[in-house]
Amino acid sequence: MVARATDRPTHVNGDDPEAVVHVTRVATEFRQLFQPKTSSSTCFCYRRFGHNEGDEPSFTQPLMYRAIKDHKTTFELYSKRLIDEGTLTQAEVQAMVDAFNKRLNDELDTAKSYLPTRPTGWTAAGAVWKPRPKATAAARPRSSSPP
């Protein structure tokens, strides 16, 4: 990796959401300030349930996934931290969880009753595609690579 060769990578613990946001902002500001230099960051975290729904990670990595199963989730760690430092109360955290779950359920109900409408415009059956005009050189975004 180029970032490792230039001693510029940043590493962040995925269980610390504030640190992840901070490192991402620093990397973004670095990129904006030193264009066309790149910036990279490595978020150290894990997949709680394996790589996909067909994967059974505890079969191939039993010790690691036993440790992951026993490890608190990022949500549990972060909400406990916010409660311990007095930023939020347990009731406020629960209210946020309830509001989020309500929104998810409302959107699920909406999706269940959704009926697509007949396509119109360029998506309608038999519509003719009209190519868009090419951008002028002045309208093209600046890039770090040659045209």
N, C-alpha and C. Protein backbone atom coordinates (compact mmCIF):
# COMPACT_ATOMS: atom_id res chain seq x y z
N MET A 1 0.84 -1.17 0.00
CA MET A 1 0.00 0.00 0.00
C MET A 1 0.89 1.25 0.00
N VAL A 2 0.56 2.20 -0.84
CA VAL A 2 1.37 3.41 -0.98
C VAL A 2 1.44 4.19 0.33
N ALA A 3 0.31 4.25 1.06
CA ALA A 3 0.29 5.02 2.30
C ALA A 3 1.27 4.45 3.32
N ARG A 4 1.42 3.15 3.35
CA ARG A 4 2.37 2.55 4.29
C ARG A 4 3.79 2.87 3.90
N ALA A 5 4.05 2.92 2.61
CA ALA A 5 5.40 3.23 2.14
C ALA A 5 5.79 4.66 2.46
N THR A 6 4.80 5.54 2.56
CA THR A 6 5.09 6.95 2.84
C THR A 6 4.84 7.32 4.30
N ASP A 7 4.59 6.33 5.14
CA ASP A 7 4.36 6.54 6.58
C ASP A 7 3.23 7.52 6.87
N ARG A 8 2.13 7.44 6.12
CA ARG A 8 1.02 8.34 6.35
C ARG A 8 -0.29 7.66 6.71
N PRO A 9 -0.34 6.33 6.93
CA PRO A 9 -1.66 5.78 7.23
C PRO A 9 -2.10 6.11 8.65
N THR A 10 -3.37 6.15 8.86
CA THR A 10 -3.91 6.32 10.20
C THR A 10 -4.69 5.06 10.53
N HIS A 11 -4.69 4.72 11.78
CA HIS A 11 -5.39 3.53 12.25
C HIS A 11 -6.38 3.96 13.31
N VAL A 12 -7.56 3.37 13.29
CA VAL A 12 -8.59 3.77 14.25
C VAL A 12 -9.37 2.53 14.69
N ASN A 13 -9.78 2.54 15.94
CA ASN A 13 -10.56 1.46 16.52
C ASN A 13 -12.01 1.63 16.10
N GLY A 14 -12.58 0.62 15.45
CA GLY A 14 -13.96 0.69 14.99
C GLY A 14 -14.97 0.74 16.12
N ASP A 15 -14.56 0.40 17.34
CA ASP A 15 -15.47 0.47 18.48
C ASP A 15 -15.55 1.89 19.07
N ASP A 16 -14.85 2.84 18.48
CA ASP A 16 -14.88 4.23 18.96
C ASP A 16 -15.41 5.13 17.85
N PRO A 17 -16.74 5.31 17.76
CA PRO A 17 -17.32 6.08 16.66
C PRO A 17 -16.78 7.50 16.54
N GLU A 18 -16.51 8.16 17.67
CA GLU A 18 -15.99 9.52 17.60
C GLU A 18 -14.60 9.56 16.98
N ALA A 19 -13.78 8.56 17.29
CA ALA A 19 -12.44 8.49 16.71
C ALA A 19 -12.53 8.22 15.21
N VAL A 20 -13.47 7.37 14.80
CA VAL A 20 -13.65 7.08 13.37
C VAL A 20 -14.03 8.35 12.62
N VAL A 21 -14.95 9.12 13.18
CA VAL A 21 -15.35 10.38 12.55
C VAL A 21 -14.17 11.35 12.49
N HIS A 22 -13.42 11.44 13.58
CA HIS A 22 -12.27 12.37 13.62
C HIS A 22 -11.23 11.99 12.56
N VAL A 23 -10.87 10.71 12.50
CA VAL A 23 -9.86 10.26 11.53
C VAL A 23 -10.36 10.49 10.10
N THR A 24 -11.63 10.25 9.85
CA THR A 24 -12.20 10.48 8.52
C THR A 24 -12.13 11.95 8.15
N ARG A 25 -12.43 12.83 9.10
CA ARG A 25 -12.34 14.28 8.83
C ARG A 25 -10.89 14.69 8.55
N VAL A 26 -9.96 14.18 9.34
CA VAL A 26 -8.55 14.51 9.13
C VAL A 26 -8.10 14.04 7.75
N ALA A 27 -8.46 12.81 7.38
CA ALA A 27 -8.08 12.27 6.07
C ALA A 27 -8.69 13.11 4.94
N THR A 28 -9.94 13.52 5.11
CA THR A 28 -10.60 14.34 4.09
C THR A 28 -9.92 15.70 3.97
N GLU A 29 -9.63 16.33 5.10
CA GLU A 29 -8.97 17.63 5.07
C GLU A 29 -7.56 17.52 4.48
N PHE A 30 -6.85 16.44 4.78
CA PHE A 30 -5.53 16.21 4.21
C PHE A 30 -5.62 16.13 2.70
N ARG A 31 -6.61 15.38 2.23
CA ARG A 31 -6.79 15.20 0.79
C ARG A 31 -7.12 16.53 0.12
N GLN A 32 -7.98 17.31 0.76
CA GLN A 32 -8.36 18.61 0.19
C GLN A 32 -7.20 19.58 0.20
N LEU A 33 -6.38 19.54 1.23
CA LEU A 33 -5.27 20.47 1.37
C LEU A 33 -4.10 20.12 0.46
N PHE A 34 -3.79 18.84 0.33
CA PHE A 34 -2.61 18.41 -0.41
C PHE A 34 -2.94 17.68 -1.70
N GLN A 35 -3.97 18.12 -2.40
CA GLN A 35 -4.30 17.48 -3.69
C GLN A 35 -3.08 17.46 -4.56
N PRO A 36 -2.81 16.48 -5.32
CA PRO A 36 -3.54 15.23 -5.52
C PRO A 36 -3.06 14.09 -4.63
N LYS A 37 -2.42 14.39 -3.52
CA LYS A 37 -1.97 13.34 -2.61
C LYS A 37 -3.19 12.58 -2.07
N THR A 38 -2.99 11.32 -1.79
CA THR A 38 -4.08 10.53 -1.22
C THR A 38 -3.87 10.40 0.27
N SER A 39 -4.90 10.04 0.95
CA SER A 39 -4.80 9.76 2.37
C SER A 39 -5.51 8.44 2.60
N SER A 40 -5.08 7.74 3.62
CA SER A 40 -5.73 6.46 3.89
C SER A 40 -5.88 6.31 5.39
N SER A 41 -6.87 5.53 5.75
CA SER A 41 -7.05 5.19 7.15
C SER A 41 -7.51 3.74 7.21
N THR A 42 -7.15 3.09 8.29
CA THR A 42 -7.53 1.71 8.49
C THR A 42 -8.40 1.63 9.73
N CYS A 43 -9.61 1.15 9.55
CA CYS A 43 -10.54 1.00 10.67
C CYS A 43 -10.45 -0.46 11.13
N PHE A 44 -9.96 -0.66 12.34
CA PHE A 44 -9.84 -2.01 12.87
C PHE A 44 -11.15 -2.38 13.55
N CYS A 45 -11.81 -3.36 12.99
CA CYS A 45 -13.08 -3.82 13.55
C CYS A 45 -13.29 -5.27 13.13
N TYR A 46 -14.48 -5.77 13.27
CA TYR A 46 -14.75 -7.17 12.99
C TYR A 46 -16.17 -7.31 12.45
N ARG A 47 -16.45 -8.47 11.88
CA ARG A 47 -17.80 -8.78 11.42
C ARG A 47 -18.40 -9.72 12.46
N ARG A 48 -19.43 -9.25 13.11
CA ARG A 48 -20.03 -10.03 14.19
C ARG A 48 -20.65 -11.34 13.69
N PHE A 49 -21.23 -11.32 12.50
CA PHE A 49 -21.92 -12.50 12.00
C PHE A 49 -21.27 -13.10 10.76
N GLY A 50 -19.99 -12.88 10.55
CA GLY A 50 -19.31 -13.44 9.40
C GLY A 50 -19.43 -12.58 8.17
N HIS A 51 -19.02 -13.12 7.03
CA HIS A 51 -18.97 -12.34 5.80
C HIS A 51 -20.30 -12.25 5.07
N ASN A 52 -21.15 -13.23 5.22
CA ASN A 52 -22.46 -13.18 4.57
C ASN A 52 -23.41 -14.13 5.29
N GLU A 53 -24.66 -14.12 4.88
CA GLU A 53 -25.67 -14.90 5.60
C GLU A 53 -25.44 -16.41 5.48
N GLY A 54 -24.67 -16.86 4.49
CA GLY A 54 -24.39 -18.28 4.34
C GLY A 54 -23.14 -18.73 5.07
N ASP A 55 -22.43 -17.80 5.67
CA ASP A 55 -21.17 -18.08 6.34
C ASP A 55 -21.42 -18.50 7.78
N GLU A 56 -20.70 -19.48 8.24
CA GLU A 56 -20.71 -19.84 9.66
C GLU A 56 -19.27 -19.70 10.15
N PRO A 57 -18.90 -18.47 10.58
CA PRO A 57 -17.50 -18.20 10.90
C PRO A 57 -16.96 -18.98 12.09
N SER A 58 -17.83 -19.37 13.01
CA SER A 58 -17.34 -20.10 14.17
C SER A 58 -16.86 -21.50 13.80
N PHE A 59 -17.20 -21.96 12.61
CA PHE A 59 -16.72 -23.26 12.14
C PHE A 59 -15.23 -23.20 11.81
N THR A 60 -14.82 -22.12 11.13
CA THR A 60 -13.42 -22.00 10.72
C THR A 60 -12.57 -21.20 11.70
N GLN A 61 -13.19 -20.32 12.49
CA GLN A 61 -12.46 -19.48 13.45
C GLN A 61 -13.16 -19.54 14.82
N PRO A 62 -13.20 -20.70 15.47
CA PRO A 62 -13.99 -20.82 16.71
C PRO A 62 -13.52 -19.92 17.85
N LEU A 63 -12.22 -19.78 18.05
CA LEU A 63 -11.74 -18.95 19.16
C LEU A 63 -12.04 -17.48 18.93
N MET A 64 -11.78 -17.02 17.71
CA MET A 64 -12.02 -15.61 17.40
C MET A 64 -13.51 -15.28 17.53
N TYR A 65 -14.38 -16.10 16.99
CA TYR A 65 -15.80 -15.78 17.04
C TYR A 65 -16.42 -16.01 18.41
N ARG A 66 -15.79 -16.82 19.26
CA ARG A 66 -16.23 -16.90 20.65
C ARG A 66 -15.92 -15.57 21.34
N ALA A 67 -14.72 -15.02 21.07
CA ALA A 67 -14.34 -13.72 21.64
C ALA A 67 -15.25 -12.61 21.11
N ILE A 68 -15.57 -12.66 19.82
CA ILE A 68 -16.46 -11.65 19.23
C ILE A 68 -17.85 -11.74 19.85
N LYS A 69 -18.34 -12.96 20.05
CA LYS A 69 -19.67 -13.14 20.64
C LYS A 69 -19.72 -12.55 22.05
N ASP A 70 -18.64 -12.68 22.78
CA ASP A 70 -18.59 -12.17 24.15
C ASP A 70 -18.31 -10.66 24.21
N HIS A 71 -17.84 -10.08 23.11
CA HIS A 71 -17.49 -8.66 23.06
C HIS A 71 -18.76 -7.83 22.89
N LYS A 72 -18.90 -6.76 23.65
CA LYS A 72 -20.07 -5.89 23.51
C LYS A 72 -20.08 -5.23 22.15
N THR A 73 -21.27 -4.90 21.65
CA THR A 73 -21.38 -4.23 20.36
C THR A 73 -20.91 -2.78 20.47
N THR A 74 -20.62 -2.20 19.35
CA THR A 74 -20.21 -0.79 19.33
C THR A 74 -21.30 0.08 19.94
N PHE A 75 -22.56 -0.22 19.63
CA PHE A 75 -23.68 0.52 20.20
C PHE A 75 -23.67 0.43 21.72
N GLU A 76 -23.50 -0.77 22.25
CA GLU A 76 -23.49 -0.95 23.72
C GLU A 76 -22.33 -0.18 24.35
N LEU A 77 -21.15 -0.27 23.76
CA LEU A 77 -19.98 0.42 24.30
C LEU A 77 -20.15 1.93 24.26
N TYR A 78 -20.62 2.44 23.12
CA TYR A 78 -20.73 3.89 22.96
C TYR A 78 -21.85 4.47 23.81
N SER A 79 -22.99 3.80 23.84
CA SER A 79 -24.09 4.32 24.66
C SER A 79 -23.71 4.30 26.14
N LYS A 80 -23.00 3.26 26.59
CA LYS A 80 -22.54 3.21 27.98
C LYS A 80 -21.58 4.36 28.26
N ARG A 81 -20.70 4.63 27.31
CA ARG A 81 -19.75 5.74 27.49
C ARG A 81 -20.48 7.07 27.61
N LEU A 82 -21.47 7.30 26.75
CA LEU A 82 -22.22 8.55 26.80
C LEU A 82 -23.02 8.68 28.10
N ILE A 83 -23.55 7.58 28.58
CA ILE A 83 -24.29 7.60 29.85
C ILE A 83 -23.33 7.84 31.01
N ASP A 84 -22.19 7.14 31.01
CA ASP A 84 -21.21 7.29 32.09
C ASP A 84 -20.67 8.72 32.18
N GLU A 85 -20.48 9.38 31.04
CA GLU A 85 -19.94 10.75 31.09
C GLU A 85 -21.04 11.79 31.27
N GLY A 86 -22.30 11.35 31.34
CA GLY A 86 -23.41 12.26 31.60
C GLY A 86 -23.94 12.99 30.38
N THR A 87 -23.52 12.60 29.18
CA THR A 87 -24.01 13.23 27.97
C THR A 87 -25.46 12.86 27.71
N LEU A 88 -25.80 11.60 27.96
CA LEU A 88 -27.17 11.10 27.78
C LEU A 88 -27.58 10.29 29.00
N THR A 89 -28.88 10.13 29.16
CA THR A 89 -29.39 9.22 30.18
C THR A 89 -29.82 7.94 29.50
N GLN A 90 -30.01 6.89 30.31
CA GLN A 90 -30.48 5.62 29.75
C GLN A 90 -31.83 5.81 29.07
N ALA A 91 -32.68 6.66 29.64
CA ALA A 91 -34.00 6.92 29.05
C ALA A 91 -33.87 7.59 27.69
N GLU A 92 -32.92 8.52 27.55
CA GLU A 92 -32.72 9.18 26.26
C GLU A 92 -32.20 8.21 25.21
N VAL A 93 -31.29 7.33 25.61
CA VAL A 93 -30.78 6.31 24.69
C VAL A 93 -31.92 5.42 24.25
N GLN A 94 -32.74 4.97 25.20
CA GLN A 94 -33.86 4.09 24.86
C GLN A 94 -34.86 4.81 23.97
N ALA A 95 -35.08 6.09 24.21
CA ALA A 95 -36.00 6.86 23.36
C ALA A 95 -35.48 6.93 21.92
N MET A 96 -34.16 7.10 21.76
CA MET A 96 -33.56 7.13 20.41
C MET A 96 -33.72 5.78 19.72
N VAL A 97 -33.48 4.70 20.48
CA VAL A 97 -33.62 3.36 19.92
C VAL A 97 -35.07 3.12 19.51
N ASP A 98 -36.00 3.50 20.38
CA ASP A 98 -37.43 3.32 20.07
C ASP A 98 -37.84 4.12 18.84
N ALA A 99 -37.36 5.37 18.74
CA ALA A 99 -37.70 6.22 17.59
C ALA A 99 -37.13 5.63 16.30
N PHE A 100 -35.91 5.11 16.38
CA PHE A 100 -35.29 4.51 15.19
C PHE A 100 -36.04 3.25 14.77
N ASN A 101 -36.37 2.39 15.74
CA ASN A 101 -37.11 1.18 15.42
C ASN A 101 -38.50 1.50 14.87
N LYS A 102 -39.14 2.54 15.41
CA LYS A 102 -40.44 2.96 14.88
C LYS A 102 -40.31 3.40 13.43
N ARG A 103 -39.26 4.17 13.14
CA ARG A 103 -39.06 4.62 11.76
C ARG A 103 -38.83 3.42 10.82
N LEU A 104 -38.02 2.46 11.25
CA LEU A 104 -37.78 1.28 10.43
C LEU A 104 -39.09 0.53 10.18
N ASN A 105 -39.90 0.35 11.22
CA ASN A 105 -41.17 -0.35 11.06
C ASN A 105 -42.14 0.41 10.18
N ASP A 106 -42.17 1.75 10.32
CA ASP A 106 -43.03 2.57 9.47
C ASP A 106 -42.62 2.44 8.01
N GLU A 107 -41.32 2.48 7.76
CA GLU A 107 -40.83 2.35 6.38
C GLU A 107 -41.10 0.96 5.83
N LEU A 108 -41.00 -0.06 6.67
CA LEU A 108 -41.32 -1.42 6.23
C LEU A 108 -42.80 -1.52 5.86
N ASP A 109 -43.67 -0.94 6.68
CA ASP A 109 -45.10 -0.95 6.37
C ASP A 109 -45.38 -0.21 5.06
N THR A 110 -44.69 0.90 4.85
CA THR A 110 -44.84 1.66 3.61
C THR A 110 -44.39 0.82 2.42
N ALA A 111 -43.28 0.13 2.57
CA ALA A 111 -42.75 -0.70 1.48
C ALA A 111 -43.70 -1.85 1.16
N LYS A 112 -44.33 -2.41 2.17
CA LYS A 112 -45.26 -3.52 1.94
C LYS A 112 -46.48 -3.09 1.13
N SER A 113 -46.89 -1.84 1.32
CA SER A 113 -48.08 -1.37 0.61
C SER A 113 -47.75 -0.60 -0.67
N TYR A 114 -46.49 -0.54 -1.03
CA TYR A 114 -46.07 0.22 -2.20
C TYR A 114 -46.51 -0.48 -3.48
N LEU A 115 -47.11 0.27 -4.36
CA LEU A 115 -47.46 -0.22 -5.68
C LEU A 115 -46.77 0.67 -6.71
N PRO A 116 -45.90 0.09 -7.52
CA PRO A 116 -45.20 0.93 -8.49
C PRO A 116 -46.18 1.53 -9.51
N THR A 117 -45.89 2.73 -9.92
CA THR A 117 -46.71 3.39 -10.94
C THR A 117 -46.14 3.07 -12.31
N ARG A 118 -46.93 3.33 -13.31
CA ARG A 118 -46.48 3.07 -14.67
C ARG A 118 -45.34 4.04 -15.00
N PRO A 119 -44.26 3.54 -15.56
CA PRO A 119 -43.13 4.42 -15.89
C PRO A 119 -43.54 5.49 -16.90
N THR A 120 -42.96 6.64 -16.72
CA THR A 120 -43.20 7.74 -17.66
C THR A 120 -41.86 8.29 -18.11
N GLY A 121 -41.89 9.17 -19.07
CA GLY A 121 -40.66 9.81 -19.53
C GLY A 121 -39.73 8.80 -20.19
N TRP A 122 -38.43 8.95 -19.98
CA TRP A 122 -37.45 8.13 -20.67
C TRP A 122 -37.45 6.68 -20.17
N THR A 123 -38.10 6.41 -19.02
CA THR A 123 -38.15 5.04 -18.52
C THR A 123 -39.33 4.25 -19.09
N ALA A 124 -40.26 4.93 -19.76
CA ALA A 124 -41.43 4.24 -20.30
C ALA A 124 -41.04 3.32 -21.45
N ALA A 125 -41.85 2.28 -21.64
CA ALA A 125 -41.59 1.35 -22.73
C ALA A 125 -41.65 2.10 -24.06
N GLY A 126 -40.69 1.84 -24.89
CA GLY A 126 -40.66 2.47 -26.20
C GLY A 126 -40.05 3.86 -26.22
N ALA A 127 -39.59 4.34 -25.07
CA ALA A 127 -38.98 5.67 -25.04
C ALA A 127 -37.67 5.66 -25.81
N VAL A 128 -37.37 6.76 -26.44
CA VAL A 128 -36.13 6.88 -27.22
C VAL A 128 -35.09 7.59 -26.36
N TRP A 129 -33.93 7.00 -26.25
CA TRP A 129 -32.84 7.59 -25.48
C TRP A 129 -32.25 8.74 -26.26
N LYS A 130 -32.15 9.88 -25.61
CA LYS A 130 -31.52 11.04 -26.24
C LYS A 130 -30.22 11.30 -25.52
N PRO A 131 -29.10 11.18 -26.23
CA PRO A 131 -27.81 11.40 -25.56
C PRO A 131 -27.69 12.83 -25.02
N ARG A 132 -27.02 12.94 -23.90
CA ARG A 132 -26.79 14.26 -23.31
C ARG A 132 -25.60 14.90 -24.02
N PRO A 133 -25.57 16.22 -24.13
CA PRO A 133 -24.44 16.88 -24.79
C PRO A 133 -23.16 16.68 -23.99
N LYS A 134 -22.03 16.63 -24.70
CA LYS A 134 -20.75 16.47 -24.03
C LYS A 134 -20.40 17.74 -23.26
N ALA A 135 -19.72 17.53 -22.13
CA ALA A 135 -19.31 18.67 -21.31
C ALA A 135 -18.16 19.40 -21.99
N THR A 136 -18.13 20.69 -21.80
CA THR A 136 -17.01 21.47 -22.33
C THR A 136 -15.82 21.29 -21.41
N ALA A 137 -14.64 21.64 -21.87
CA ALA A 137 -13.43 21.50 -21.06
C ALA A 137 -13.55 22.30 -19.76
N ALA A 138 -14.19 23.46 -19.82
CA ALA A 138 -14.32 24.29 -18.62
C ALA A 138 -15.25 23.66 -17.59
N ALA A 139 -16.20 22.86 -18.04
CA ALA A 139 -17.16 22.26 -17.13
C ALA A 139 -16.66 20.96 -16.52
N ARG A 140 -15.59 20.40 -17.03
CA ARG A 140 -15.08 19.13 -16.52
C ARG A 140 -14.41 19.34 -15.16
N PRO A 141 -14.60 18.40 -14.24
CA PRO A 141 -13.94 18.55 -12.94
C PRO A 141 -12.44 18.36 -13.05
N ARG A 142 -11.72 19.04 -12.16
CA ARG A 142 -10.27 18.89 -12.13
C ARG A 142 -9.92 17.53 -11.54
N SER A 143 -9.00 16.86 -12.13
CA SER A 143 -8.64 15.52 -11.69
C SER A 143 -7.13 15.44 -11.52
N SER A 144 -6.72 14.50 -10.67
CA SER A 144 -5.29 14.34 -10.44
C SER A 144 -4.65 13.50 -11.54
N SER A 145 -5.45 12.82 -12.34
CA SER A 145 -4.90 12.01 -13.42
C SER A 145 -5.03 12.75 -14.74
N PRO A 146 -4.12 12.47 -15.67
CA PRO A 146 -4.18 13.16 -16.97
C PRO A 146 -5.42 12.73 -17.75
N PRO A 147 -5.95 13.60 -18.62
CA PRO A 147 -7.18 13.27 -19.36
C PRO A 147 -6.98 12.13 -20.33
